[in-house]
Amino acid sequence: MGKQNGVVSVAGFTDAAGSNYLRLGYLVFDPSSNAVQHNFWTWSQRDYPVPVNSGDVYYCGE
């Protein structure tokens, strides 16, 4: 890989309540000991939150 650090993310989204999740992590490679340290955070959605209008509108089209 040639790098000492890496980032990984995994997500799953469905229409079923309580089954959406996101996992964000980072990897630290130690070539001297041939080891990898993995740290991560996980978020999950347990219900359907009420939408909130932030007032921000973004246009990403042409």
Protein backbone atom coordinates (compact mmCIF):
# COMPACT_ATOMS: atom_id res chain seq x y z
CA MET A 1 0.00 0.00 0.00
CA GLY A 2 2.89 2.37 0.65
CA LYS A 3 1.06 4.53 3.22
CA GLN A 4 1.19 4.51 7.00
CA ASN A 5 -2.48 5.49 7.49
CA GLY A 6 -5.76 4.70 5.78
CA VAL A 7 -9.46 5.48 6.16
CA VAL A 8 -12.37 3.09 5.69
CA SER A 9 -16.15 3.59 5.76
CA VAL A 10 -19.06 1.19 5.46
CA ALA A 11 -22.76 2.07 5.43
CA GLY A 12 -26.07 0.34 4.98
CA PHE A 13 -29.37 2.09 4.29
CA THR A 14 -32.81 0.49 3.93
CA ASP A 15 -36.46 1.52 4.30
CA ALA A 16 -36.82 -0.60 7.44
CA ALA A 17 -36.71 1.30 10.74
CA GLY A 18 -33.68 0.64 12.91
CA SER A 19 -31.51 -0.93 10.23
CA ASN A 20 -29.52 2.05 8.91
CA TYR A 21 -25.92 2.26 10.03
CA LEU A 22 -22.60 3.95 9.29
CA ARG A 23 -19.14 2.84 10.37
CA LEU A 24 -16.13 5.12 10.00
CA GLY A 25 -12.64 4.03 10.88
CA TYR A 26 -8.97 4.55 10.33
CA LEU A 27 -6.05 2.17 9.99
CA VAL A 28 -2.49 2.73 11.19
CA PHE A 29 0.11 0.47 9.57
CA ASP A 30 3.39 -0.31 11.34
CA PRO A 31 5.79 -1.78 8.78
CA SER A 32 8.48 -2.52 11.39
CA SER A 33 6.24 -4.99 13.26
CA ASN A 34 3.99 -5.84 10.31
CA ALA A 35 0.96 -4.86 12.43
CA VAL A 36 -2.21 -2.86 11.77
CA GLN A 37 -4.15 -0.85 14.35
CA HIS A 38 -7.86 -0.35 13.55
CA ASN A 39 -9.98 2.29 15.29
CA PHE A 40 -13.63 2.88 14.41
CA TRP A 41 -16.91 4.58 15.31
CA THR A 42 -20.40 3.24 14.58
CA TRP A 43 -23.67 5.15 14.26
CA SER A 44 -27.06 3.54 13.82
CA GLN A 45 -30.57 4.87 13.30
CA ARG A 46 -33.12 3.38 15.67
CA ASP A 47 -36.21 5.17 14.33
CA TYR A 48 -37.36 7.72 11.78
CA PRO A 49 -36.42 11.19 13.05
CA VAL A 50 -38.63 14.13 12.12
CA PRO A 51 -37.11 16.07 9.19
CA VAL A 52 -35.83 19.54 10.07
CA ASN A 53 -35.61 22.32 7.52
CA SER A 54 -32.16 23.86 7.89
CA GLY A 55 -32.91 26.64 5.44
CA ASP A 56 -29.81 25.74 3.38
CA VAL A 57 -30.34 24.86 -0.26
CA TYR A 58 -27.53 23.57 -2.43
CA TYR A 59 -27.56 23.09 -6.19
CA CYS A 60 -25.02 20.62 -7.54
CA GLY A 61 -26.34 20.37 -11.08
CA GLU A 62 -25.20 22.03 -14.25
